[in-house]
C-alpha atoms as a PDB file:
ATOM      1  CA  MET A   1      -0.071  -0.045  -0.098  1.00  0.00           C
ATOM      2  CA  GLU A   2       1.293   3.689  -0.683  1.00  0.00           C
ATOM      3  CA  PRO A   3       2.155   5.345   2.388  1.00  0.00           C
ATOM      4  CA  LEU A   4       0.090   8.744   3.479  1.00  0.00           C
ATOM      5  CA  LEU A   5       3.120  10.265   4.851  1.00  0.00           C
ATOM      6  CA  LYS A   6       6.864   9.135   4.450  1.00  0.00           C
ATOM      7  CA  VAL A   7       9.458  11.079   6.793  1.00  0.00           C
ATOM      8  CA  GLU A   8      12.920  10.828   4.888  1.00  0.00           C
ATOM      9  CA  ASN A   9      16.245  11.122   6.820  1.00  0.00           C
ATOM     10  CA  LEU A  10      14.465  13.890   8.571  1.00  0.00           C
ATOM     11  CA  ALA A  11      16.636  16.228  10.990  1.00  0.00           C
ATOM     12  CA  VAL A  12      16.121  18.647  13.630  1.00  0.00           C
ATOM     13  CA  SER A  13      17.857  21.412  15.741  1.00  0.00           C
ATOM     14  CA  PHE A  14      17.734  23.791  18.550  1.00  0.00           C
ATOM     15  CA  THR A  15      20.143  26.154  19.634  1.00  0.00           C
ATOM     16  CA  THR A  16      20.100  27.071  22.882  1.00  0.00           C
ATOM     17  CA  GLU A  17      22.851  29.101  25.275  1.00  0.00           C
ATOM     18  CA  ALA A  18      25.129  26.516  25.209  1.00  0.00           C
ATOM     19  CA  GLY A  19      25.354  26.149  21.208  1.00  0.00           C
ATOM     20  CA  CYS A  20      23.180  24.309  18.381  1.00  0.00           C
ATOM     21  CA  PHE A  21      22.526  20.624  18.772  1.00  0.00           C
ATOM     22  CA  ARG A  22      20.451  17.686  17.146  1.00  0.00           C
ATOM     23  CA  VAL A  23      17.617  16.713  18.877  1.00  0.00           C
ATOM     24  CA  VAL A  24      16.563  14.583  16.030  1.00  0.00           C
ATOM     25  CA  ASP A  25      18.793  13.298  13.559  1.00  0.00           C
ATOM     26  CA  ASP A  26      18.371  11.023  10.443  1.00  0.00           C
ATOM     27  CA  VAL A  27      15.320   9.541  11.234  1.00  0.00           C
ATOM     28  CA  SER A  28      13.220   7.794   8.705  1.00  0.00           C
ATOM     29  CA  PHE A  29       9.368   6.335   8.829  1.00  0.00           C
ATOM     30  CA  SER A  30       6.151   5.624   6.676  1.00  0.00           C
ATOM     31  CA  VAL A  31       2.373   5.308   7.766  1.00  0.00           C
ATOM     32  CA  ALA A  32      -0.183   4.095   5.348  1.00  0.00           C
ATOM     33  CA  PRO A  33      -3.863   4.772   5.332  1.00  0.00           C
ATOM     34  CA  GLY A  34      -5.804   2.590   7.776  1.00  0.00           C
ATOM     35  CA  GLN A  35      -2.509   1.844   9.920  1.00  0.00           C
ATOM     36  CA  THR A  36      -0.732   2.879  13.157  1.00  0.00           C
ATOM     37  CA  LEU A  37       2.627   3.646  13.834  1.00  0.00           C
ATOM     38  CA  GLY A  38       4.111   4.029  17.181  1.00  0.00           C
ATOM     39  CA  LEU A  39       6.866   6.203  18.001  1.00  0.00           C
ATOM     40  CA  VAL A  40       8.372   4.678  21.525  1.00  0.00           C
ATOM     41  CA  GLY A  41      11.110   5.700  23.843  1.00  0.00           C
ATOM     42  CA  GLU A  42      11.656   7.586  27.448  1.00  0.00           C
ATOM     43  CA  SER A  43      11.108  11.373  27.804  1.00  0.00           C
ATOM     44  CA  GLY A  44      13.638  12.925  25.682  1.00  0.00           C
ATOM     45  CA  CYS A  45      14.144  10.786  22.717  1.00  0.00           C
ATOM     46  CA  GLY A  46      12.697  12.996  20.405  1.00  0.00           C
ATOM     47  CA  LYS A  47       9.148  11.772  19.824  1.00  0.00           C
ATOM     48  CA  SER A  48       6.952  14.795  20.346  1.00  0.00           C
ATOM     49  CA  VAL A  49       9.778  17.026  18.344  1.00  0.00           C
ATOM     50  CA  THR A  50      10.000  14.979  15.489  1.00  0.00           C
ATOM     51  CA  ALA A  51       5.603  15.252  15.596  1.00  0.00           C
ATOM     52  CA  LEU A  52       5.976  19.004  16.380  1.00  0.00           C
ATOM     53  CA  SER A  53       8.251  19.413  13.040  1.00  0.00           C
ATOM     54  CA  LEU A  54       6.010  17.812  10.412  1.00  0.00           C
ATOM     55  CA  LEU A  55       3.534  20.345  11.558  1.00  0.00           C
ATOM     56  CA  GLY A  56       5.588  23.407  11.755  1.00  0.00           C
ATOM     57  CA  LEU A  57       4.717  23.728  15.266  1.00  0.00           C
ATOM     58  CA  LEU A  58       8.607  23.931  16.552  1.00  0.00           C
ATOM     59  CA  PRO A  59       9.405  26.463  18.946  1.00  0.00           C
ATOM     60  CA  ARG A  60      10.879  29.689  17.046  1.00  0.00           C
ATOM     61  CA  PRO A  61      13.806  30.708  16.705  1.00  0.00           C
ATOM     62  CA  ALA A  62      15.422  27.840  18.814  1.00  0.00           C
ATOM     63  CA  GLY A  63      13.709  24.792  16.885  1.00  0.00           C
ATOM     64  CA  GLN A  64      14.687  24.538  13.158  1.00  0.00           C
ATOM     65  CA  VAL A  65      14.538  21.522  10.914  1.00  0.00           C
ATOM     66  CA  ALA A  66      18.135  21.021   9.485  1.00  0.00           C
ATOM     67  CA  GLY A  67      17.365  18.566   7.077  1.00  0.00           C
ATOM     68  CA  GLY A  68      15.184  15.414   5.471  1.00  0.00           C
ATOM     69  CA  ARG A  69      11.583  15.357   3.591  1.00  0.00           C
ATOM     70  CA  ALA A  70       8.310  14.710   4.904  1.00  0.00           C
ATOM     71  CA  LEU A  71       6.384  13.724   1.861  1.00  0.00           C
ATOM     72  CA  PHE A  72       2.561  13.979   2.618  1.00  0.00           C
ATOM     73  CA  GLN A  73       0.306  13.790  -0.545  1.00  0.00           C
ATOM     74  CA  GLY A  74       2.693  14.148  -2.814  1.00  0.00           C
ATOM     75  CA  GLN A  75       3.745  17.666  -0.809  1.00  0.00           C
ATOM     76  CA  ASP A  76       6.900  17.781   1.330  1.00  0.00           C
ATOM     77  CA  LEU A  77       5.261  19.205   4.453  1.00  0.00           C
ATOM     78  CA  LEU A  78       8.663  20.948   5.597  1.00  0.00           C
ATOM     79  CA  THR A  79       8.651  23.008   2.834  1.00  0.00           C
ATOM     80  CA  LEU A  80       5.475  24.428   2.797  1.00  0.00           C
ATOM     81  CA  THR A  81       4.616  28.027   3.181  1.00  0.00           C
ATOM     82  CA  ALA A  82       2.633  29.735   6.310  1.00  0.00           C
ATOM     83  CA  GLN A  83      -0.261  29.683   3.893  1.00  0.00           C
ATOM     84  CA  GLN A  84      -0.047  26.091   2.498  1.00  0.00           C
ATOM     85  CA  ARG A  85       0.701  24.742   6.196  1.00  0.00           C
ATOM     86  CA  TYR A  86      -2.437  26.473   7.462  1.00  0.00           C
ATOM     87  CA  ARG A  87      -4.709  24.701   5.290  1.00  0.00           C
ATOM     88  CA  VAL A  88      -3.157  21.188   5.948  1.00  0.00           C
ATOM     89  CA  ARG A  89      -2.641  21.705   9.611  1.00  0.00           C
ATOM     90  CA  GLY A  90      -6.096  20.759  11.374  1.00  0.00           C
ATOM     91  CA  ASN A  91      -7.447  19.756   8.163  1.00  0.00           C
ATOM     92  CA  LYS A  92      -5.660  16.710   6.640  1.00  0.00           C
ATOM     93  CA  ILE A  93      -3.460  16.624   9.418  1.00  0.00           C
ATOM     94  CA  ALA A  94      -4.502  16.831  13.398  1.00  0.00           C
ATOM     95  CA  MET A  95      -3.465  16.310  16.749  1.00  0.00           C
ATOM     96  CA  ILE A  96      -3.872  15.609  19.725  1.00  0.00           C
ATOM     97  CA  PHE A  97      -1.991  17.061  22.483  1.00  0.00           C
ATOM     98  CA  GLN A  98      -0.485  15.675  25.727  1.00  0.00           C
ATOM     99  CA  GLU A  99      -2.251  17.555  28.358  1.00  0.00           C
ATOM    100  CA  PRO A 100      -5.795  18.978  27.545  1.00  0.00           C
ATOM    101  CA  MET A 101      -5.448  21.283  30.125  1.00  0.00           C
ATOM    102  CA  THR A 102      -2.705  23.133  28.607  1.00  0.00           C
ATOM    103  CA  ALA A 103      -3.811  22.794  25.511  1.00  0.00           C
ATOM    104  CA  LEU A 104      -7.613  24.076  26.034  1.00  0.00           C
ATOM    105  CA  ASN A 105      -8.405  27.869  26.287  1.00  0.00           C
ATOM    106  CA  PRO A 106      -9.474  28.009  29.908  1.00  0.00           C
ATOM    107  CA  VAL A 107     -11.331  31.265  29.595  1.00  0.00           C
ATOM    108  CA  HIS A 108     -13.505  29.932  26.363  1.00  0.00           C
ATOM    109  CA  SER A 109     -16.230  27.592  26.472  1.00  0.00           C
ATOM    110  CA  ILE A 110     -15.932  23.956  25.154  1.00  0.00           C
ATOM    111  CA  GLY A 111     -18.291  24.865  22.415  1.00  0.00           C
ATOM    112  CA  ARG A 112     -16.410  28.116  21.253  1.00  0.00           C
ATOM    113  CA  GLN A 113     -13.248  26.375  20.812  1.00  0.00           C
ATOM    114  CA  LEU A 114     -14.761  23.315  19.174  1.00  0.00           C
ATOM    115  CA  MET A 115     -16.660  25.583  16.806  1.00  0.00           C
ATOM    116  CA  GLU A 116     -13.471  27.421  15.710  1.00  0.00           C
ATOM    117  CA  VAL A 117     -12.083  23.961  13.952  1.00  0.00           C
ATOM    118  CA  TYR A 118     -15.597  24.412  12.101  1.00  0.00           C
ATOM    119  CA  ARG A 119     -15.263  28.088  11.242  1.00  0.00           C
ATOM    120  CA  LEU A 120     -11.552  27.666  10.238  1.00  0.00           C
ATOM    121  CA  HIS A 121     -11.673  25.078   7.753  1.00  0.00           C
ATOM    122  CA  ARG A 122     -15.502  25.108   6.966  1.00  0.00           C
ATOM    123  CA  PRO A 123     -16.684  28.345   6.268  1.00  0.00           C
ATOM    124  CA  GLU A 124     -19.452  27.195   4.021  1.00  0.00           C
ATOM    125  CA  LEU A 125     -21.308  26.151   7.224  1.00  0.00           C
ATOM    126  CA  GLY A 126     -23.331  28.930   9.545  1.00  0.00           C
ATOM    127  CA  LYS A 127     -23.370  29.623  12.995  1.00  0.00           C
ATOM    128  CA  ARG A 128     -26.132  27.128  13.624  1.00  0.00           C
ATOM    129  CA  GLU A 129     -24.459  24.259  11.539  1.00  0.00           C
ATOM    130  CA  GLN A 130     -21.221  24.534  13.234  1.00  0.00           C
ATOM    131  CA  LYS A 131     -22.664  24.250  16.785  1.00  0.00           C
ATOM    132  CA  GLN A 132     -24.819  21.349  15.525  1.00  0.00           C
ATOM    133  CA  ALA A 133     -21.653  19.720  14.013  1.00  0.00           C
ATOM    134  CA  ALA A 134     -19.970  20.475  17.320  1.00  0.00           C
ATOM    135  CA  ALA A 135     -22.740  18.982  19.538  1.00  0.00           C
ATOM    136  CA  GLN A 136     -22.339  15.539  16.549  1.00  0.00           C
ATOM    137  CA  MET A 137     -18.901  15.580  17.393  1.00  0.00           C
ATOM    138  CA  LEU A 138     -19.442  15.464  21.315  1.00  0.00           C
ATOM    139  CA  ARG A 139     -21.479  12.635  21.030  1.00  0.00           C
ATOM    140  CA  GLN A 140     -19.358  10.482  18.631  1.00  0.00           C
ATOM    141  CA  VAL A 141     -16.288  10.833  21.074  1.00  0.00           C
ATOM    142  CA  GLY A 142     -19.259   9.797  24.069  1.00  0.00           C
ATOM    143  CA  ILE A 143     -19.658  12.652  25.631  1.00  0.00           C
ATOM    144  CA  PRO A 144     -23.578  12.676  27.309  1.00  0.00           C
ATOM    145  CA  GLU A 145     -25.465  15.974  27.230  1.00  0.00           C
ATOM    146  CA  ALA A 146     -23.569  17.130  24.463  1.00  0.00           C
ATOM    147  CA  GLU A 147     -25.670  20.402  23.984  1.00  0.00           C
ATOM    148  CA  ALA A 148     -25.057  21.232  27.635  1.00  0.00           C
ATOM    149  CA  ARG A 149     -21.174  20.668  27.689  1.00  0.00           C
ATOM    150  CA  LEU A 150     -20.874  23.046  25.027  1.00  0.00           C
ATOM    151  CA  LYS A 151     -21.363  25.717  27.445  1.00  0.00           C
ATOM    152  CA  ALA A 152     -18.908  24.268  29.993  1.00  0.00           C
ATOM    153  CA  TYR A 153     -15.347  25.548  30.449  1.00  0.00           C
ATOM    154  CA  PRO A 154     -12.505  23.125  30.784  1.00  0.00           C
ATOM    155  CA  HIS A 155     -12.112  23.173  34.135  1.00  0.00           C
ATOM    156  CA  GLN A 156     -15.737  22.089  34.768  1.00  0.00           C
ATOM    157  CA  LEU A 157     -15.339  19.130  32.988  1.00  0.00           C
ATOM    158  CA  SER A 158     -12.779  15.707  34.334  1.00  0.00           C
ATOM    159  CA  GLY A 159      -9.215  14.665  32.688  1.00  0.00           C
ATOM    160  CA  GLY A 160     -11.358  12.420  30.342  1.00  0.00           C
ATOM    161  CA  MET A 161     -13.557  14.483  29.266  1.00  0.00           C
ATOM    162  CA  ARG A 162     -10.985  16.990  28.371  1.00  0.00           C
ATOM    163  CA  GLN A 163      -9.288  14.586  26.590  1.00  0.00           C
ATOM    164  CA  ARG A 164     -12.459  13.240  24.318  1.00  0.00           C
ATOM    165  CA  VAL A 165     -12.599  17.329  23.599  1.00  0.00           C
ATOM    166  CA  MET A 166      -9.495  17.385  22.280  1.00  0.00           C
ATOM    167  CA  ILE A 167      -9.968  14.396  20.125  1.00  0.00           C
ATOM    168  CA  ALA A 168     -13.051  15.945  19.093  1.00  0.00           C
ATOM    169  CA  MET A 169     -11.502  18.818  18.175  1.00  0.00           C
ATOM    170  CA  ALA A 170      -8.927  16.898  16.304  1.00  0.00           C
ATOM    171  CA  LEU A 171     -11.604  14.764  14.305  1.00  0.00           C
ATOM    172  CA  ALA A 172     -14.055  17.504  13.598  1.00  0.00           C
ATOM    173  CA  CYS A 173     -12.727  17.630   9.876  1.00  0.00           C
ATOM    174  CA  GLU A 174     -11.920  14.230   9.493  1.00  0.00           C
ATOM    175  CA  PRO A 175      -8.380  14.041   8.718  1.00  0.00           C
ATOM    176  CA  ASP A 176      -6.156  11.604   6.742  1.00  0.00           C
ATOM    177  CA  LEU A 177      -3.634  11.689   9.489  1.00  0.00           C
ATOM    178  CA  LEU A 178      -4.461  12.001  13.480  1.00  0.00           C
ATOM    179  CA  ILE A 179      -1.097  12.216  15.396  1.00  0.00           C
ATOM    180  CA  CYS A 180      -1.622  11.179  19.055  1.00  0.00           C
ATOM    181  CA  ASP A 181       1.094  13.043  21.553  1.00  0.00           C
ATOM    182  CA  GLU A 182       0.387  10.442  24.634  1.00  0.00           C
ATOM    183  CA  PRO A 183      -3.305  11.082  24.641  1.00  0.00           C
ATOM    184  CA  THR A 184      -3.685   8.828  27.682  1.00  0.00           C
ATOM    185  CA  THR A 185      -1.156  10.086  30.070  1.00  0.00           C
ATOM    186  CA  ALA A 186      -2.208  10.877  33.844  1.00  0.00           C
ATOM    187  CA  LEU A 187      -5.724   8.989  33.132  1.00  0.00           C
ATOM    188  CA  ASP A 188      -6.919   5.824  35.115  1.00  0.00           C
ATOM    189  CA  VAL A 189      -6.943   2.675  33.179  1.00  0.00           C
ATOM    190  CA  THR A 190     -10.705   2.886  32.694  1.00  0.00           C
ATOM    191  CA  ILE A 191     -10.425   6.085  30.751  1.00  0.00           C
ATOM    192  CA  GLN A 192      -7.393   5.470  28.952  1.00  0.00           C
ATOM    193  CA  ALA A 193      -9.198   2.186  27.534  1.00  0.00           C
ATOM    194  CA  GLN A 194     -11.956   4.144  26.194  1.00  0.00           C
ATOM    195  CA  ILE A 195     -10.001   6.692  25.078  1.00  0.00           C
ATOM    196  CA  LEU A 196      -7.907   3.575  22.990  1.00  0.00           C
ATOM    197  CA  HIS A 197     -10.997   2.180  22.033  1.00  0.00           C
ATOM    198  CA  LEU A 198     -12.546   4.962  20.503  1.00  0.00           C
ATOM    199  CA  ILE A 199     -10.096   6.328  18.272  1.00  0.00           C
ATOM    200  CA  ARG A 200      -9.417   2.631  16.907  1.00  0.00           C
ATOM    201  CA  GLU A 201     -13.013   2.679  15.947  1.00  0.00           C
ATOM    202  CA  LEU A 202     -12.619   6.080  13.975  1.00  0.00           C
ATOM    203  CA  GLN A 203      -9.671   5.041  12.454  1.00  0.00           C
ATOM    204  CA  GLN A 204     -11.997   1.498  11.446  1.00  0.00           C
ATOM    205  CA  ARG A 205     -14.874   4.044  10.306  1.00  0.00           C
ATOM    206  CA  THR A 206     -12.772   6.565   8.181  1.00  0.00           C
ATOM    207  CA  GLY A 207      -9.612   4.881   7.194  1.00  0.00           C
ATOM    208  CA  MET A 208      -7.436   7.475   8.590  1.00  0.00           C
ATOM    209  CA  ALA A 209      -3.826   6.923   9.546  1.00  0.00           C
ATOM    210  CA  VAL A 210      -2.316   7.341  13.138  1.00  0.00           C
ATOM    211  CA  ILE A 211       0.775   8.166  14.501  1.00  0.00           C
ATOM    212  CA  PHE A 212       0.837   7.280  18.143  1.00  0.00           C
ATOM    213  CA  ILE A 213       3.456   8.896  20.446  1.00  0.00           C
ATOM    214  CA  THR A 214       4.174   7.059  23.709  1.00  0.00           C
ATOM    215  CA  HIS A 215       6.356   5.192  26.413  1.00  0.00           C
ATOM    216  CA  ASP A 216       3.425   2.645  27.076  1.00  0.00           C
ATOM    217  CA  LEU A 217       4.422  -0.054  25.633  1.00  0.00           C
ATOM    218  CA  GLY A 218       1.078  -1.983  26.760  1.00  0.00           C
ATOM    219  CA  VAL A 219      -0.747   0.766  24.363  1.00  0.00           C
ATOM    220  CA  VAL A 220       1.841  -0.174  21.568  1.00  0.00           C
ATOM    221  CA  ALA A 221       0.884  -3.526  21.777  1.00  0.00           C
ATOM    222  CA  GLN A 222      -2.985  -2.921  21.693  1.00  0.00           C
ATOM    223  CA  VAL A 223      -2.978  -0.589  19.037  1.00  0.00           C
ATOM    224  CA  CYS A 224       0.158  -0.114  16.663  1.00  0.00           C
ATOM    225  CA  ASP A 225       0.740  -2.129  13.765  1.00  0.00           C
ATOM    226  CA  GLN A 226       4.513  -0.664  13.307  1.00  0.00           C
ATOM    227  CA  VAL A 227       6.751   0.499  15.676  1.00  0.00           C
ATOM    228  CA  LEU A 228       9.629   2.599  15.570  1.00  0.00           C
ATOM    229  CA  VAL A 229      11.840   2.716  18.674  1.00  0.00           C
ATOM    230  CA  MET A 230      13.441   5.933  19.578  1.00  0.00           C
ATOM    231  CA  TYR A 231      16.693   6.760  21.386  1.00  0.00           C
ATOM    232  CA  ALA A 232      18.074  10.191  21.915  1.00  0.00           C
ATOM    233  CA  GLY A 233      16.761  11.719  19.156  1.00  0.00           C
ATOM    234  CA  ARG A 234      17.921   8.887  16.615  1.00  0.00           C
ATOM    235  CA  SER A 235      16.450   5.739  15.838  1.00  0.00           C
ATOM    236  CA  ALA A 236      16.900   2.398  17.362  1.00  0.00           C
ATOM    237  CA  GLU A 237      15.023  -0.188  16.092  1.00  0.00           C
ATOM    238  CA  GLN A 238      11.780  -0.466  13.520  1.00  0.00           C
ATOM    239  CA  ALA A 239       9.655  -3.452  13.068  1.00  0.00           C
ATOM    240  CA  ASP A 240       6.180  -4.448  12.866  1.00  0.00           C
ATOM    241  CA  VAL A 241       4.779  -4.881  16.419  1.00  0.00           C
ATOM    242  CA  PHE A 242       4.519  -8.426  16.682  1.00  0.00           C
ATOM    243  CA  THR A 243       8.217  -8.576  15.498  1.00  0.00           C
ATOM    244  CA  LEU A 244       9.170  -6.528  17.989  1.00  0.00           C
ATOM    245  CA  PHE A 245       7.448  -8.107  21.217  1.00  0.00           C
ATOM    246  CA  GLU A 246       8.696 -11.738  19.957  1.00  0.00           C
ATOM    247  CA  ARG A 247      12.228 -10.989  18.229  1.00  0.00           C
ATOM    248  CA  PRO A 248      13.358  -7.759  19.626  1.00  0.00           C
ATOM    249  CA  VAL A 249      17.639  -7.007  18.553  1.00  0.00           C
ATOM    250  CA  HIS A 250      18.122  -3.779  19.937  1.00  0.00           C
ATOM    251  CA  PRO A 251      19.683  -3.360  23.467  1.00  0.00           C
ATOM    252  CA  TYR A 252      17.400  -0.467  24.394  1.00  0.00           C
ATOM    253  CA  THR A 253      14.491  -2.306  23.197  1.00  0.00           C
ATOM    254  CA  LYS A 254      15.149  -5.313  25.254  1.00  0.00           C
ATOM    255  CA  GLY A 255      15.686  -3.024  28.111  1.00  0.00           C
ATOM    256  CA  LEU A 256      12.309  -1.502  27.708  1.00  0.00           C
ATOM    257  CA  LEU A 257      10.536  -4.682  27.194  1.00  0.00           C
ATOM    258  CA  SER A 258      12.354  -6.499  30.310  1.00  0.00           C
ATOM    259  CA  ALA A 259      11.000  -3.530  31.894  1.00  0.00           C
ATOM    260  CA  ILE A 260       7.425  -4.267  31.873  1.00  0.00           C
ATOM    261  CA  PRO A 261       5.669  -5.657  34.937  1.00  0.00           C
ATOM    262  CA  ARG A 262       4.171  -9.038  34.417  1.00  0.00           C
ATOM    263  CA  LEU A 263       1.852 -11.284  36.148  1.00  0.00           C
ATOM    264  CA  SER A 264       3.972 -14.416  36.067  1.00  0.00           C
ATOM    265  CA  GLN A 265       6.759 -12.597  38.585  1.00  0.00           C
ATOM    266  CA  PRO A 266       6.385 -13.030  42.071  1.00  0.00           C
ATOM    267  CA  GLY A 267       4.940 -10.083  44.369  1.00  0.00           C
ATOM    268  CA  LYS A 268       7.379  -7.118  45.397  1.00  0.00           C
ATOM    269  CA  THR A 269       9.957  -8.440  42.645  1.00  0.00           C
ATOM    270  CA  VAL A 270      12.351  -5.514  41.593  1.00  0.00           C
ATOM    271  CA  LEU A 271      12.059  -4.823  38.302  1.00  0.00           C
ATOM    272  CA  PRO A 272      14.868  -4.881  35.756  1.00  0.00           C
ATOM    273  CA  THR A 273      15.911  -1.318  34.490  1.00  0.00           C
ATOM    274  CA  ILE A 274      18.109   0.190  32.277  1.00  0.00           C
ATOM    275  CA  ARG A 275      20.583   2.137  34.101  1.00  0.00           C
ATOM    276  CA  GLY A 276      21.589   5.707  33.670  1.00  0.00           C
ATOM    277  CA  GLN A 277      18.995   8.071  31.742  1.00  0.00           C
ATOM    278  CA  VAL A 278      18.892  10.021  28.200  1.00  0.00           C
ATOM    279  CA  PRO A 279      21.723  11.935  27.991  1.00  0.00           C
ATOM    280  CA  SER A 280      20.991  15.657  27.742  1.00  0.00           C
ATOM    281  CA  LEU A 281      21.411  18.107  24.684  1.00  0.00           C
ATOM    282  CA  GLU A 282      24.984  18.973  25.487  1.00  0.00           C
ATOM    283  CA  GLU A 283      25.968  15.303  26.893  1.00  0.00           C
ATOM    284  CA  GLN A 284      25.039  13.677  23.672  1.00  0.00           C
ATOM    285  CA  GLN A 285      28.239  11.859  22.305  1.00  0.00           C
ATOM    286  CA  ALA A 286      29.595  10.934  19.017  1.00  0.00           C
ATOM    287  CA  GLY A 287      28.664   7.399  17.913  1.00  0.00           C
ATOM    288  CA  CYS A 288      25.911   5.219  19.417  1.00  0.00           C
ATOM    289  CA  ARG A 289      24.076   7.760  21.658  1.00  0.00           C
ATOM    290  CA  PHE A 290      23.233   4.666  23.528  1.00  0.00           C
ATOM    291  CA  ALA A 291      26.565   3.409  23.926  1.00  0.00           C
ATOM    292  CA  ASN A 292      27.302   4.693  27.400  1.00  0.00           C
ATOM    293  CA  ARG A 293      23.916   2.997  28.889  1.00  0.00           C
ATOM    294  CA  CYS A 294      24.484  -0.403  27.163  1.00  0.00           C
ATOM    295  CA  PRO A 295      26.098  -3.556  28.682  1.00  0.00           C
ATOM    296  CA  TYR A 296      27.595  -4.875  25.602  1.00  0.00           C
ATOM    297  CA  MET A 297      29.388  -1.631  24.472  1.00  0.00           C
ATOM    298  CA  THR A 298      32.695  -1.826  22.722  1.00  0.00           C
ATOM    299  CA  GLU A 299      35.328   0.081  20.802  1.00  0.00           C
ATOM    300  CA  ARG A 300      33.287   0.242  17.651  1.00  0.00           C
ATOM    301  CA  CYS A 301      30.202   1.103  19.512  1.00  0.00           C
ATOM    302  CA  GLN A 302      32.146   5.121  19.442  1.00  0.00           C
ATOM    303  CA  GLN A 303      31.183   5.415  15.187  1.00  0.00           C
ATOM    304  CA  GLN A 304      27.640   5.840  14.480  1.00  0.00           C
ATOM    305  CA  PRO A 305      26.089   2.269  13.466  1.00  0.00           C
ATOM    306  CA  ALA A 306      24.155   1.962  10.178  1.00  0.00           C
ATOM    307  CA  VAL A 307      20.733   0.892   9.463  1.00  0.00           C
ATOM    308  CA  GLU A 308      20.737  -3.173   9.130  1.00  0.00           C
ATOM    309  CA  LEU A 309      18.190  -5.634   7.854  1.00  0.00           C
ATOM    310  CA  ALA A 310      17.384  -8.010  10.356  1.00  0.00           C
ATOM    311  CA  GLY A 311      14.353  -9.483   8.832  1.00  0.00           C
ATOM    312  CA  ASP A 312      11.895  -8.407   6.643  1.00  0.00           C
ATOM    313  CA  GLU A 313      11.066  -4.921   7.430  1.00  0.00           C
ATOM    314  CA  HIS A 314      12.898  -5.092  10.566  1.00  0.00           C
ATOM    315  CA  HIS A 315      15.442  -2.723  10.831  1.00  0.00           C
ATOM    316  CA  VAL A 316      17.973  -2.073  13.314  1.00  0.00           C
ATOM    317  CA  TRP A 317      20.311   0.552  14.307  1.00  0.00           C
ATOM    318  CA  CYS A 318      22.866  -1.486  16.300  1.00  0.00           C
ATOM    319  CA  HIS A 319      26.753  -3.065  15.821  1.00  0.00           C
ATOM    320  CA  HIS A 320      26.002  -6.012  18.186  1.00  0.00           C
ATOM    321  CA  TRP A 321      22.505  -6.974  17.175  1.00  0.00           C
ATOM    322  CA  ARG A 322      23.660 -10.096  15.548  1.00  0.00           C
ATOM    323  CA  GLU A 323      25.379 -11.459  18.735  1.00  0.00           C
ATOM    324  CA  LEU A 324      22.167 -10.658  20.560  1.00  0.00           C
ATOM    325  CA  ARG A 325      19.611 -12.171  18.460  1.00  0.00           C
END
């Protein structure tokens, strides 16, 4: 199937007082209509920056796209003018942000913020039609008493309700691509399951592609078709979800999977962890960025690993992956 979005060698730089640093370096992936791609990694691995760069939402002037292409329906998203990007963002590509309380405007009602989507991207609709469409979207995402909720303000809704409002805003124009930036973070397990089911249901109905950003591998197993594991701004391993869980070959992927609690473990067992933490921008080193945390580090790791095939559509960036199979 022809990919809806194809990202090639994406690079993003941030300028700070300490200098200019690559926060995303040579990242490539693609996602087809109806498919879900998971971007996985610890906080600080460049997942959200990757998504924000596609939509032109990097903080300016610090953040800049330093290279690569992002082909979406024949257009390179990275070279669009502000006016062209305006027509794509929120219309053909939508994003659900991580924290709805900061993404929603606290001084405007839910109805006003949701109707704004239609006012900007569906100007042919009158005000009454916009209100009807907004109420219908709230009903679709499972919010009861939709007409009454349009008059409510964000602080009057629960966390799950606010996240559903964010999903309604993102899906209002029936986008071809939905980017979900950890949409279930800080929600209880029941609400999380409802939101994941909702996204999956809407995807099956509309055929949209989804990029799901998360550090929760349980969520990845539930909703994703393909997975890209990122570490310190670079790709570590990429495969379909079954291959990644059954036959991981990168030490970082293995470490993430081993840290998942399992019912078969005795109670109060200490979980395995990956020692150390993701390096800051100033601490990033040449060669393999995972080397200082990797138990298999050798002198070869001082050189940046090239991508290699570990199987059909199974890519890995590691010097020692063959020894770890």
